[in-house]
Full PDB file with SEQRES, HELIX, SHEET, SSBOND, CRYST1, ORIGX, SCALE, CONECT and MASTER records, all heavy atoms in Angstrom:
SEQRES   1 A   43  LEU VAL THR THR VAL ALA GLY LEU ALA GLY VAL TRP GLY          
SEQRES   2 A   43  ASN ALA ASP GLY THR ASN SER ARG ALA ARG PHE PHE LEU          
SEQRES   3 A   43  PRO GLN GLY ILE VAL LEU LEU ASN THR SER ASN LEU VAL          
SEQRES   4 A   43  VAL VAL ASP SER                                              
HELIX    1 AA1 ASN A   19  ARG A   21  5                                   3    
SHEET    1 AA1 2 PRO A  27  ASN A  34  0                                        
SHEET    2 AA1 2 ASN A  37  ASP A  42 -1                                        
CRYST1    1.000    1.000    1.000  90.00  90.00  90.00 P 1           1          
ORIGX1      1.000000  0.000000  0.000000        0.00000                         
ORIGX2      0.000000  1.000000  0.000000        0.00000                         
ORIGX3      0.000000  0.000000  1.000000        0.00000                         
SCALE1      1.000000  0.000000  0.000000        0.00000                         
SCALE2      0.000000  1.000000  0.000000        0.00000                         
SCALE3      0.000000  0.000000  1.000000        0.00000                         
ATOM      1  N   LEU A   1       0.856  -1.235  -0.004  1.00  0.00           N  
ATOM      2  CA  LEU A   1      -0.076   0.019   0.021  1.00  0.00           C  
ATOM      3  C   LEU A   1       0.873   1.222  -0.021  1.00  0.00           C  
ATOM      4  O   LEU A   1       1.632   1.470   0.844  1.00  0.00           O  
ATOM      5  CB  LEU A   1      -0.890   0.016   1.303  1.00  0.00           C  
ATOM      6  CG  LEU A   1      -1.816   1.397   1.379  1.00  0.00           C  
ATOM      7  CD1 LEU A   1      -2.786   1.462   0.243  1.00  0.00           C  
ATOM      8  CD2 LEU A   1      -2.462   1.231   2.761  1.00  0.00           C  
ATOM      9  N   VAL A   2       0.692   2.198  -0.981  1.00  0.00           N  
ATOM     10  CA  VAL A   2       1.495   3.213  -1.146  1.00  0.00           C  
ATOM     11  C   VAL A   2       0.742   4.524  -0.684  1.00  0.00           C  
ATOM     12  O   VAL A   2      -0.392   4.706  -1.218  1.00  0.00           O  
ATOM     13  CB  VAL A   2       1.925   3.473  -2.606  1.00  0.00           C  
ATOM     14  CG1 VAL A   2       2.799   4.764  -2.813  1.00  0.00           C  
ATOM     15  CG2 VAL A   2       2.786   2.227  -3.090  1.00  0.00           C  
ATOM     16  N   THR A   3       1.362   5.444   0.111  1.00  0.00           N  
ATOM     17  CA  THR A   3       0.696   6.685   0.545  1.00  0.00           C  
ATOM     18  C   THR A   3       1.933   7.700   0.393  1.00  0.00           C  
ATOM     19  O   THR A   3       3.137   7.400   0.256  1.00  0.00           O  
ATOM     20  CB  THR A   3       0.307   6.631   1.961  1.00  0.00           C  
ATOM     21  OG1 THR A   3       1.339   6.155   2.840  1.00  0.00           O  
ATOM     22  CG2 THR A   3      -0.983   5.643   2.084  1.00  0.00           C  
ATOM     23  N   THR A   4       1.384   8.958   0.322  1.00  0.00           N  
ATOM     24  CA  THR A   4       2.374  10.043   0.196  1.00  0.00           C  
ATOM     25  C   THR A   4       2.619  10.712   1.614  1.00  0.00           C  
ATOM     26  O   THR A   4       1.619  11.093   2.206  1.00  0.00           O  
ATOM     27  CB  THR A   4       1.888  11.123  -0.753  1.00  0.00           C  
ATOM     28  OG1 THR A   4       1.681  10.535  -2.059  1.00  0.00           O  
ATOM     29  CG2 THR A   4       2.950  12.367  -0.908  1.00  0.00           C  
ATOM     30  N   VAL A   5       3.902  10.658   2.053  1.00  0.00           N  
ATOM     31  CA  VAL A   5       4.201  11.226   3.394  1.00  0.00           C  
ATOM     32  C   VAL A   5       4.289  12.691   3.358  1.00  0.00           C  
ATOM     33  O   VAL A   5       3.775  13.447   4.331  1.00  0.00           O  
ATOM     34  CB  VAL A   5       5.553  10.538   3.865  1.00  0.00           C  
ATOM     35  CG1 VAL A   5       6.088  11.307   5.112  1.00  0.00           C  
ATOM     36  CG2 VAL A   5       5.313   9.088   4.184  1.00  0.00           C  
ATOM     37  N   ALA A   6       5.012  13.251   2.469  1.00  0.00           N  
ATOM     38  CA  ALA A   6       5.321  14.800   2.393  1.00  0.00           C  
ATOM     39  C   ALA A   6       5.611  15.152   0.981  1.00  0.00           C  
ATOM     40  O   ALA A   6       6.025  14.331   0.178  1.00  0.00           O  
ATOM     41  CB  ALA A   6       6.544  14.967   3.263  1.00  0.00           C  
ATOM     42  N   GLY A   7       5.402  16.509   0.714  1.00  0.00           N  
ATOM     43  CA  GLY A   7       5.430  17.030  -0.492  1.00  0.00           C  
ATOM     44  C   GLY A   7       4.244  16.893  -1.314  1.00  0.00           C  
ATOM     45  O   GLY A   7       3.241  16.254  -0.981  1.00  0.00           O  
ATOM     46  N   LEU A   8       4.142  17.710  -2.353  1.00  0.00           N  
ATOM     47  CA  LEU A   8       2.998  17.676  -3.392  1.00  0.00           C  
ATOM     48  C   LEU A   8       3.413  17.404  -4.752  1.00  0.00           C  
ATOM     49  O   LEU A   8       4.343  18.055  -5.335  1.00  0.00           O  
ATOM     50  CB  LEU A   8       2.302  19.091  -3.258  1.00  0.00           C  
ATOM     51  CG  LEU A   8       1.049  19.358  -4.057  1.00  0.00           C  
ATOM     52  CD1 LEU A   8      -0.082  18.365  -3.577  1.00  0.00           C  
ATOM     53  CD2 LEU A   8       0.650  20.800  -4.082  1.00  0.00           C  
ATOM     54  N   ALA A   9       2.829  16.374  -5.299  1.00  0.00           N  
ATOM     55  CA  ALA A   9       3.228  15.732  -6.589  1.00  0.00           C  
ATOM     56  C   ALA A   9       3.279  16.894  -7.599  1.00  0.00           C  
ATOM     57  O   ALA A   9       2.254  17.578  -7.721  1.00  0.00           O  
ATOM     58  CB  ALA A   9       2.393  14.618  -6.964  1.00  0.00           C  
ATOM     59  N   GLY A  10       4.370  16.849  -8.295  1.00  0.00           N  
ATOM     60  CA  GLY A  10       4.546  17.792  -9.384  1.00  0.00           C  
ATOM     61  C   GLY A  10       4.869  19.247  -9.091  1.00  0.00           C  
ATOM     62  O   GLY A  10       5.038  20.041  -9.940  1.00  0.00           O  
ATOM     63  N   VAL A  11       4.930  19.540  -7.773  1.00  0.00           N  
ATOM     64  CA  VAL A  11       5.194  20.969  -7.392  1.00  0.00           C  
ATOM     65  C   VAL A  11       6.475  21.030  -6.663  1.00  0.00           C  
ATOM     66  O   VAL A  11       6.566  20.373  -5.574  1.00  0.00           O  
ATOM     67  CB  VAL A  11       4.047  21.480  -6.529  1.00  0.00           C  
ATOM     68  CG1 VAL A  11       4.237  22.920  -6.081  1.00  0.00           C  
ATOM     69  CG2 VAL A  11       2.766  21.326  -7.187  1.00  0.00           C  
ATOM     70  N   TRP A  12       7.552  21.567  -7.115  1.00  0.00           N  
ATOM     71  CA  TRP A  12       8.796  21.592  -6.479  1.00  0.00           C  
ATOM     72  C   TRP A  12       8.961  22.931  -5.743  1.00  0.00           C  
ATOM     73  O   TRP A  12       8.421  23.904  -6.102  1.00  0.00           O  
ATOM     74  CB  TRP A  12       9.995  21.308  -7.349  1.00  0.00           C  
ATOM     75  CG  TRP A  12      10.041  22.280  -8.516  1.00  0.00           C  
ATOM     76  CD1 TRP A  12       9.582  22.242  -9.770  1.00  0.00           C  
ATOM     77  CD2 TRP A  12      10.944  23.516  -8.515  1.00  0.00           C  
ATOM     78  NE1 TRP A  12       9.957  23.342 -10.518  1.00  0.00           N  
ATOM     79  CE2 TRP A  12      10.798  24.126  -9.810  1.00  0.00           C  
ATOM     80  CE3 TRP A  12      11.714  24.163  -7.603  1.00  0.00           C  
ATOM     81  CZ2 TRP A  12      11.474  25.244 -10.135  1.00  0.00           C  
ATOM     82  CZ3 TRP A  12      12.432  25.303  -7.901  1.00  0.00           C  
ATOM     83  CH2 TRP A  12      12.187  25.863  -9.055  1.00  0.00           C  
ATOM     84  N   GLY A  13       9.784  22.937  -4.719  1.00  0.00           N  
ATOM     85  CA  GLY A  13      10.169  24.080  -3.956  1.00  0.00           C  
ATOM     86  C   GLY A  13      10.975  23.688  -2.710  1.00  0.00           C  
ATOM     87  O   GLY A  13      11.679  22.628  -2.731  1.00  0.00           O  
ATOM     88  N   ASN A  14      11.143  24.580  -1.747  1.00  0.00           N  
ATOM     89  CA  ASN A  14      12.032  24.338  -0.681  1.00  0.00           C  
ATOM     90  C   ASN A  14      11.260  24.620   0.663  1.00  0.00           C  
ATOM     91  O   ASN A  14      12.042  24.686   1.691  1.00  0.00           O  
ATOM     92  CB  ASN A  14      13.369  25.061  -0.766  1.00  0.00           C  
ATOM     93  CG  ASN A  14      13.090  26.579  -0.847  1.00  0.00           C  
ATOM     94  OD1 ASN A  14      12.329  27.121   0.047  1.00  0.00           O  
ATOM     95  ND2 ASN A  14      13.875  27.146  -1.741  1.00  0.00           N  
ATOM     96  N   ALA A  15      10.004  24.745   0.664  1.00  0.00           N  
ATOM     97  CA  ALA A  15       9.294  25.125   1.960  1.00  0.00           C  
ATOM     98  C   ALA A  15       9.278  23.987   2.991  1.00  0.00           C  
ATOM     99  O   ALA A  15       9.011  22.778   2.672  1.00  0.00           O  
ATOM    100  CB  ALA A  15       7.982  25.509   1.621  1.00  0.00           C  
ATOM    101  N   ASP A  16       9.641  24.288   4.223  1.00  0.00           N  
ATOM    102  CA  ASP A  16       9.307  23.474   5.362  1.00  0.00           C  
ATOM    103  C   ASP A  16       7.926  23.520   5.660  1.00  0.00           C  
ATOM    104  O   ASP A  16       7.179  24.479   5.398  1.00  0.00           O  
ATOM    105  CB  ASP A  16      10.141  23.949   6.585  1.00  0.00           C  
ATOM    106  CG  ASP A  16      11.618  23.665   6.442  1.00  0.00           C  
ATOM    107  OD1 ASP A  16      12.044  22.847   5.540  1.00  0.00           O  
ATOM    108  OD2 ASP A  16      12.497  24.291   7.142  1.00  0.00           O  
ATOM    109  N   GLY A  17       7.332  22.443   6.317  1.00  0.00           N  
ATOM    110  CA  GLY A  17       5.956  22.397   6.640  1.00  0.00           C  
ATOM    111  C   GLY A  17       5.529  21.073   6.896  1.00  0.00           C  
ATOM    112  O   GLY A  17       6.274  20.065   7.009  1.00  0.00           O  
ATOM    113  N   THR A  18       4.185  20.852   7.008  1.00  0.00           N  
ATOM    114  CA  THR A  18       3.621  19.570   7.332  1.00  0.00           C  
ATOM    115  C   THR A  18       2.864  18.982   6.173  1.00  0.00           C  
ATOM    116  O   THR A  18       2.261  19.553   5.424  1.00  0.00           O  
ATOM    117  CB  THR A  18       2.480  19.749   8.418  1.00  0.00           C  
ATOM    118  OG1 THR A  18       3.252  20.359   9.620  1.00  0.00           O  
ATOM    119  CG2 THR A  18       1.838  18.563   8.937  1.00  0.00           C  
ATOM    120  N   ASN A  19       3.237  17.651   6.029  1.00  0.00           N  
ATOM    121  CA  ASN A  19       2.536  16.831   4.879  1.00  0.00           C  
ATOM    122  C   ASN A  19       2.776  17.507   3.520  1.00  0.00           C  
ATOM    123  O   ASN A  19       3.822  17.774   3.079  1.00  0.00           O  
ATOM    124  CB  ASN A  19       1.047  16.619   5.302  1.00  0.00           C  
ATOM    125  CG  ASN A  19       0.946  15.907   6.615  1.00  0.00           C  
ATOM    126  OD1 ASN A  19       1.826  15.164   7.096  1.00  0.00           O  
ATOM    127  ND2 ASN A  19      -0.186  16.093   7.167  1.00  0.00           N  
ATOM    128  N   SER A  20       1.625  17.676   2.828  1.00  0.00           N  
ATOM    129  CA  SER A  20       1.644  18.201   1.479  1.00  0.00           C  
ATOM    130  C   SER A  20       1.986  19.693   1.385  1.00  0.00           C  
ATOM    131  O   SER A  20       2.198  20.288   0.325  1.00  0.00           O  
ATOM    132  CB  SER A  20       0.277  18.050   0.787  1.00  0.00           C  
ATOM    133  OG  SER A  20      -0.734  18.699   1.483  1.00  0.00           O  
ATOM    134  N   ARG A  21       2.114  20.400   2.581  1.00  0.00           N  
ATOM    135  CA  ARG A  21       2.575  21.876   2.512  1.00  0.00           C  
ATOM    136  C   ARG A  21       4.107  22.006   2.432  1.00  0.00           C  
ATOM    137  O   ARG A  21       4.547  23.056   2.161  1.00  0.00           O  
ATOM    138  CB  ARG A  21       2.011  22.486   3.826  1.00  0.00           C  
ATOM    139  CG  ARG A  21       0.578  22.748   3.776  1.00  0.00           C  
ATOM    140  CD  ARG A  21       0.094  23.652   4.881  1.00  0.00           C  
ATOM    141  NE  ARG A  21       0.259  23.122   6.263  1.00  0.00           N  
ATOM    142  CZ  ARG A  21      -0.697  22.279   6.814  1.00  0.00           C  
ATOM    143  NH1 ARG A  21      -1.798  21.921   6.037  1.00  0.00           N  
ATOM    144  NH2 ARG A  21      -0.568  21.769   7.996  1.00  0.00           N  
ATOM    145  N   ALA A  22       4.823  20.885   2.679  1.00  0.00           N  
ATOM    146  CA  ALA A  22       6.208  20.881   2.418  1.00  0.00           C  
ATOM    147  C   ALA A  22       6.556  20.766   0.956  1.00  0.00           C  
ATOM    148  O   ALA A  22       5.804  20.276   0.229  1.00  0.00           O  
ATOM    149  CB  ALA A  22       6.996  19.783   3.244  1.00  0.00           C  
ATOM    150  N   ARG A  23       7.686  21.218   0.614  1.00  0.00           N  
ATOM    151  CA  ARG A  23       8.091  21.182  -0.863  1.00  0.00           C  
ATOM    152  C   ARG A  23       9.593  20.699  -0.796  1.00  0.00           C  
ATOM    153  O   ARG A  23      10.420  21.010  -0.001  1.00  0.00           O  
ATOM    154  CB  ARG A  23       8.058  22.573  -1.498  1.00  0.00           C  
ATOM    155  CG  ARG A  23       6.748  23.132  -1.574  1.00  0.00           C  
ATOM    156  CD  ARG A  23       5.897  22.459  -2.515  1.00  0.00           C  
ATOM    157  NE  ARG A  23       4.432  23.001  -2.667  1.00  0.00           N  
ATOM    158  CZ  ARG A  23       3.361  22.658  -1.857  1.00  0.00           C  
ATOM    159  NH1 ARG A  23       3.572  21.779  -1.057  1.00  0.00           N  
ATOM    160  NH2 ARG A  23       2.240  23.269  -2.140  1.00  0.00           N  
ATOM    161  N   PHE A  24       9.860  19.814  -1.951  1.00  0.00           N  
ATOM    162  CA  PHE A  24      11.093  19.283  -2.223  1.00  0.00           C  
ATOM    163  C   PHE A  24      11.519  19.561  -3.561  1.00  0.00           C  
ATOM    164  O   PHE A  24      10.616  19.913  -4.451  1.00  0.00           O  
ATOM    165  CB  PHE A  24      11.241  17.835  -1.929  1.00  0.00           C  
ATOM    166  CG  PHE A  24      10.815  17.317  -0.472  1.00  0.00           C  
ATOM    167  CD1 PHE A  24       9.565  17.130  -0.146  1.00  0.00           C  
ATOM    168  CD2 PHE A  24      11.773  17.175   0.413  1.00  0.00           C  
ATOM    169  CE1 PHE A  24       9.195  16.790   1.196  1.00  0.00           C  
ATOM    170  CE2 PHE A  24      11.528  16.750   1.668  1.00  0.00           C  
ATOM    171  CZ  PHE A  24      10.219  16.570   2.019  1.00  0.00           C  
ATOM    172  N   PHE A  25      12.697  19.402  -4.006  1.00  0.00           N  
ATOM    173  CA  PHE A  25      13.140  19.537  -5.334  1.00  0.00           C  
ATOM    174  C   PHE A  25      14.179  18.389  -5.624  1.00  0.00           C  
ATOM    175  O   PHE A  25      15.378  18.384  -5.274  1.00  0.00           O  
ATOM    176  CB  PHE A  25      13.853  20.916  -5.631  1.00  0.00           C  
ATOM    177  CG  PHE A  25      14.179  21.173  -6.955  1.00  0.00           C  
ATOM    178  CD1 PHE A  25      13.681  20.564  -8.084  1.00  0.00           C  
ATOM    179  CD2 PHE A  25      15.191  22.191  -7.267  1.00  0.00           C  
ATOM    180  CE1 PHE A  25      14.029  20.817  -9.326  1.00  0.00           C  
ATOM    181  CE2 PHE A  25      15.546  22.486  -8.593  1.00  0.00           C  
ATOM    182  CZ  PHE A  25      15.007  21.814  -9.561  1.00  0.00           C  
ATOM    183  N   LEU A  26      13.741  17.442  -6.367  1.00  0.00           N  
ATOM    184  CA  LEU A  26      14.471  16.247  -6.722  1.00  0.00           C  
ATOM    185  C   LEU A  26      15.046  15.476  -5.513  1.00  0.00           C  
ATOM    186  O   LEU A  26      16.313  15.403  -5.377  1.00  0.00           O  
ATOM    187  CB  LEU A  26      15.657  16.626  -7.699  1.00  0.00           C  
ATOM    188  CG  LEU A  26      15.216  17.122  -8.990  1.00  0.00           C  
ATOM    189  CD1 LEU A  26      16.339  17.580  -9.903  1.00  0.00           C  
ATOM    190  CD2 LEU A  26      14.334  16.165  -9.856  1.00  0.00           C  
ATOM    191  N   PRO A  27      14.262  15.118  -4.576  1.00  0.00           N  
ATOM    192  CA  PRO A  27      14.890  14.378  -3.390  1.00  0.00           C  
ATOM    193  C   PRO A  27      15.467  13.085  -3.856  1.00  0.00           C  
ATOM    194  O   PRO A  27      14.877  12.335  -4.727  1.00  0.00           O  
ATOM    195  CB  PRO A  27      13.671  14.164  -2.429  1.00  0.00           C  
ATOM    196  CG  PRO A  27      12.518  14.242  -3.429  1.00  0.00           C  
ATOM    197  CD  PRO A  27      12.795  15.176  -4.519  1.00  0.00           C  
ATOM    198  N   GLN A  28      16.521  12.601  -3.281  1.00  0.00           N  
ATOM    199  CA  GLN A  28      17.111  11.350  -3.589  1.00  0.00           C  
ATOM    200  C   GLN A  28      17.474  10.450  -2.463  1.00  0.00           C  
ATOM    201  O   GLN A  28      16.810   9.554  -2.089  1.00  0.00           O  
ATOM    202  CB  GLN A  28      18.418  11.545  -4.536  1.00  0.00           C  
ATOM    203  CG  GLN A  28      18.034  12.239  -5.834  1.00  0.00           C  
ATOM    204  CD  GLN A  28      18.946  12.076  -6.962  1.00  0.00           C  
ATOM    205  OE1 GLN A  28      19.253  11.040  -7.407  1.00  0.00           O  
ATOM    206  NE2 GLN A  28      19.463  13.318  -7.435  1.00  0.00           N  
ATOM    207  N   GLY A  29      18.582  10.543  -1.690  1.00  0.00           N  
ATOM    208  CA  GLY A  29      19.023   9.718  -0.704  1.00  0.00           C  
ATOM    209  C   GLY A  29      18.034   9.893   0.588  1.00  0.00           C  
ATOM    210  O   GLY A  29      17.529  10.869   0.852  1.00  0.00           O  
ATOM    211  N   ILE A  30      17.873   8.637   1.234  1.00  0.00           N  
ATOM    212  CA  ILE A  30      16.923   8.775   2.345  1.00  0.00           C  
ATOM    213  C   ILE A  30      17.472   7.679   3.348  1.00  0.00           C  
ATOM    214  O   ILE A  30      17.952   6.518   2.967  1.00  0.00           O  
ATOM    215  CB  ILE A  30      15.502   8.430   1.892  1.00  0.00           C  
ATOM    216  CG1 ILE A  30      14.601   8.618   3.164  1.00  0.00           C  
ATOM    217  CG2 ILE A  30      15.364   7.087   1.154  1.00  0.00           C  
ATOM    218  CD1 ILE A  30      13.092   8.500   2.713  1.00  0.00           C  
ATOM    219  N   VAL A  31      17.382   7.941   4.749  1.00  0.00           N  
ATOM    220  CA  VAL A  31      17.700   7.043   5.707  1.00  0.00           C  
ATOM    221  C   VAL A  31      16.641   7.285   6.884  1.00  0.00           C  
ATOM    222  O   VAL A  31      16.020   8.290   6.933  1.00  0.00           O  
ATOM    223  CB  VAL A  31      19.084   7.202   6.328  1.00  0.00           C  
ATOM    224  CG1 VAL A  31      20.165   7.024   5.357  1.00  0.00           C  
ATOM    225  CG2 VAL A  31      19.248   8.658   7.037  1.00  0.00           C  
ATOM    226  N   LEU A  32      16.420   6.161   7.657  1.00  0.00           N  
ATOM    227  CA  LEU A  32      15.612   6.238   8.786  1.00  0.00           C  
ATOM    228  C   LEU A  32      16.482   6.392   9.993  1.00  0.00           C  
ATOM    229  O   LEU A  32      17.432   5.559  10.373  1.00  0.00           O  
ATOM    230  CB  LEU A  32      14.835   4.869   8.903  1.00  0.00           C  
ATOM    231  CG  LEU A  32      13.670   4.712   7.942  1.00  0.00           C  
ATOM    232  CD1 LEU A  32      13.635   3.233   7.506  1.00  0.00           C  
ATOM    233  CD2 LEU A  32      12.451   5.175   8.615  1.00  0.00           C  
ATOM    234  N   LEU A  33      16.158   7.428  10.800  1.00  0.00           N  
ATOM    235  CA  LEU A  33      16.865   7.563  12.103  1.00  0.00           C  
ATOM    236  C   LEU A  33      16.230   6.605  13.131  1.00  0.00           C  
ATOM    237  O   LEU A  33      16.883   6.079  13.919  1.00  0.00           O  
ATOM    238  CB  LEU A  33      16.750   9.062  12.540  1.00  0.00           C  
ATOM    239  CG  LEU A  33      17.288  10.179  11.759  1.00  0.00           C  
ATOM    240  CD1 LEU A  33      17.058  11.393  12.346  1.00  0.00           C  
ATOM    241  CD2 LEU A  33      18.735   9.917  11.368  1.00  0.00           C  
ATOM    242  N   ASN A  34      14.898   6.528  13.043  1.00  0.00           N  
ATOM    243  CA  ASN A  34      14.195   5.635  13.857  1.00  0.00           C  
ATOM    244  C   ASN A  34      12.755   5.461  13.218  1.00  0.00           C  
ATOM    245  O   ASN A  34      12.628   5.902  12.077  1.00  0.00           O  
ATOM    246  CB  ASN A  34      14.084   6.063  15.315  1.00  0.00           C  
ATOM    247  CG  ASN A  34      13.717   7.566  15.435  1.00  0.00           C  
ATOM    248  OD1 ASN A  34      12.659   8.000  14.829  1.00  0.00           O  
ATOM    249  ND2 ASN A  34      14.506   8.325  16.247  1.00  0.00           N  
ATOM    250  N   THR A  35      11.806   4.843  13.948  1.00  0.00           N  
ATOM    251  CA  THR A  35      10.633   4.660  13.320  1.00  0.00           C  
ATOM    252  C   THR A  35       9.775   5.917  13.056  1.00  0.00           C  
ATOM    253  O   THR A  35       8.789   5.901  12.212  1.00  0.00           O  
ATOM    254  CB  THR A  35       9.679   3.710  14.192  1.00  0.00           C  
ATOM    255  OG1 THR A  35       9.544   4.315  15.456  1.00  0.00           O  
ATOM    256  CG2 THR A  35      10.291   2.324  14.288  1.00  0.00           C  
ATOM    257  N   SER A  36      10.097   6.988  13.618  1.00  0.00           N  
ATOM    258  CA  SER A  36       9.376   8.272  13.516  1.00  0.00           C  
ATOM    259  C   SER A  36      10.183   9.495  12.942  1.00  0.00           C  
ATOM    260  O   SER A  36       9.628  10.612  12.849  1.00  0.00           O  
ATOM    261  CB  SER A  36       8.721   8.617  14.734  1.00  0.00           C  
ATOM    262  OG  SER A  36       9.713   8.899  15.702  1.00  0.00           O  
ATOM    263  N   ASN A  37      11.359   9.225  12.472  1.00  0.00           N  
ATOM    264  CA  ASN A  37      12.212  10.260  11.947  1.00  0.00           C  
ATOM    265  C   ASN A  37      12.990   9.793  10.711  1.00  0.00           C  
ATOM    266  O   ASN A  37      13.663   8.696  10.782  1.00  0.00           O  
ATOM    267  CB  ASN A  37      13.159  10.802  12.981  1.00  0.00           C  
ATOM    268  CG  ASN A  37      12.380  11.540  14.106  1.00  0.00           C  
ATOM    269  OD1 ASN A  37      12.149  12.658  13.910  1.00  0.00           O  
ATOM    270  ND2 ASN A  37      12.214  10.835  15.249  1.00  0.00           N  
ATOM    271  N   LEU A  38      12.955  10.612   9.589  1.00  0.00           N  
ATOM    272  CA  LEU A  38      13.720  10.276   8.433  1.00  0.00           C  
ATOM    273  C   LEU A  38      14.586  11.526   8.118  1.00  0.00           C  
ATOM    274  O   LEU A  38      14.346  12.619   8.588  1.00  0.00           O  
ATOM    275  CB  LEU A  38      12.773  10.136   7.161  1.00  0.00           C  
ATOM    276  CG  LEU A  38      11.547   9.231   7.308  1.00  0.00           C  
ATOM    277  CD1 LEU A  38      10.589   9.402   6.143  1.00  0.00           C  
ATOM    278  CD2 LEU A  38      11.932   7.748   7.450  1.00  0.00           C  
ATOM    279  N   VAL A  39      15.668  11.216   7.407  1.00  0.00           N  
ATOM    280  CA  VAL A  39      16.459  12.275   6.843  1.00  0.00           C  
ATOM    281  C   VAL A  39      16.555  12.117   5.341  1.00  0.00           C  
ATOM    282  O   VAL A  39      16.796  11.021   4.820  1.00  0.00           O  
ATOM    283  CB  VAL A  39      17.934  12.441   7.469  1.00  0.00           C  
ATOM    284  CG1 VAL A  39      18.775  13.469   6.682  1.00  0.00           C  
ATOM    285  CG2 VAL A  39      17.792  12.713   9.006  1.00  0.00           C  
ATOM    286  N   VAL A  40      16.393  13.098   4.523  1.00  0.00           N  
ATOM    287  CA  VAL A  40      16.329  13.071   3.130  1.00  0.00           C  
ATOM    288  C   VAL A  40      17.327  14.004   2.553  1.00  0.00           C  
ATOM    289  O   VAL A  40      17.412  15.187   2.960  1.00  0.00           O  
ATOM    290  CB  VAL A  40      14.800  13.462   2.533  1.00  0.00           C  
ATOM    291  CG1 VAL A  40      14.953  13.558   1.122  1.00  0.00           C  
ATOM    292  CG2 VAL A  40      13.910  12.349   3.051  1.00  0.00           C  
ATOM    293  N   VAL A  41      18.025  13.574   1.579  1.00  0.00           N  
ATOM    294  CA  VAL A  41      18.912  14.444   0.682  1.00  0.00           C  
ATOM    295  C   VAL A  41      18.019  15.112  -0.389  1.00  0.00           C  
ATOM    296  O   VAL A  41      17.477  14.611  -1.285  1.00  0.00           O  
ATOM    297  CB  VAL A  41      20.051  13.701   0.049  1.00  0.00           C  
ATOM    298  CG1 VAL A  41      20.740  14.580  -0.904  1.00  0.00           C  
ATOM    299  CG2 VAL A  41      20.993  13.103   1.082  1.00  0.00           C  
ATOM    300  N   ASP A  42      17.900  16.334  -0.162  1.00  0.00           N  
ATOM    301  CA  ASP A  42      17.012  17.222  -1.152  1.00  0.00           C  
ATOM    302  C   ASP A  42      17.946  17.712  -2.153  1.00  0.00           C  
ATOM    303  O   ASP A  42      18.327  18.904  -2.146  1.00  0.00           O  
ATOM    304  CB  ASP A  42      16.242  18.305  -0.392  1.00  0.00           C  
ATOM    305  CG  ASP A  42      15.076  18.782  -1.184  1.00  0.00           C  
ATOM    306  OD1 ASP A  42      14.817  18.312  -2.232  1.00  0.00           O  
ATOM    307  OD2 ASP A  42      14.459  19.837  -0.758  1.00  0.00           O  
ATOM    308  N   SER A  43      18.220  16.907  -3.199  1.00  0.00           N  
ATOM    309  CA  SER A  43      19.347  17.177  -4.103  1.00  0.00           C  
ATOM    310  C   SER A  43      19.227  18.505  -4.805  1.00  0.00           C  
ATOM    311  O   SER A  43      20.242  19.236  -4.942  1.00  0.00           O  
ATOM    312  CB  SER A  43      19.466  15.993  -5.158  1.00  0.00           C  
ATOM    313  OG  SER A  43      19.618  14.819  -4.433  1.00  0.00           O  
TER     314      SER A  43                                                      
MASTER        0    0    0    1    2    0    0    6  313    1    0    4          
END                                                                             
């Protein structure tokens, strides 16, 4: 089952925020710090 955690499909940017209000631009690398925290390389 696939869901969207953060960002808005097709809309790029750099805004911090919650869920679809956040913006990324070509994110690539990703790691899990723990079950509730991720770090992403926003390339």
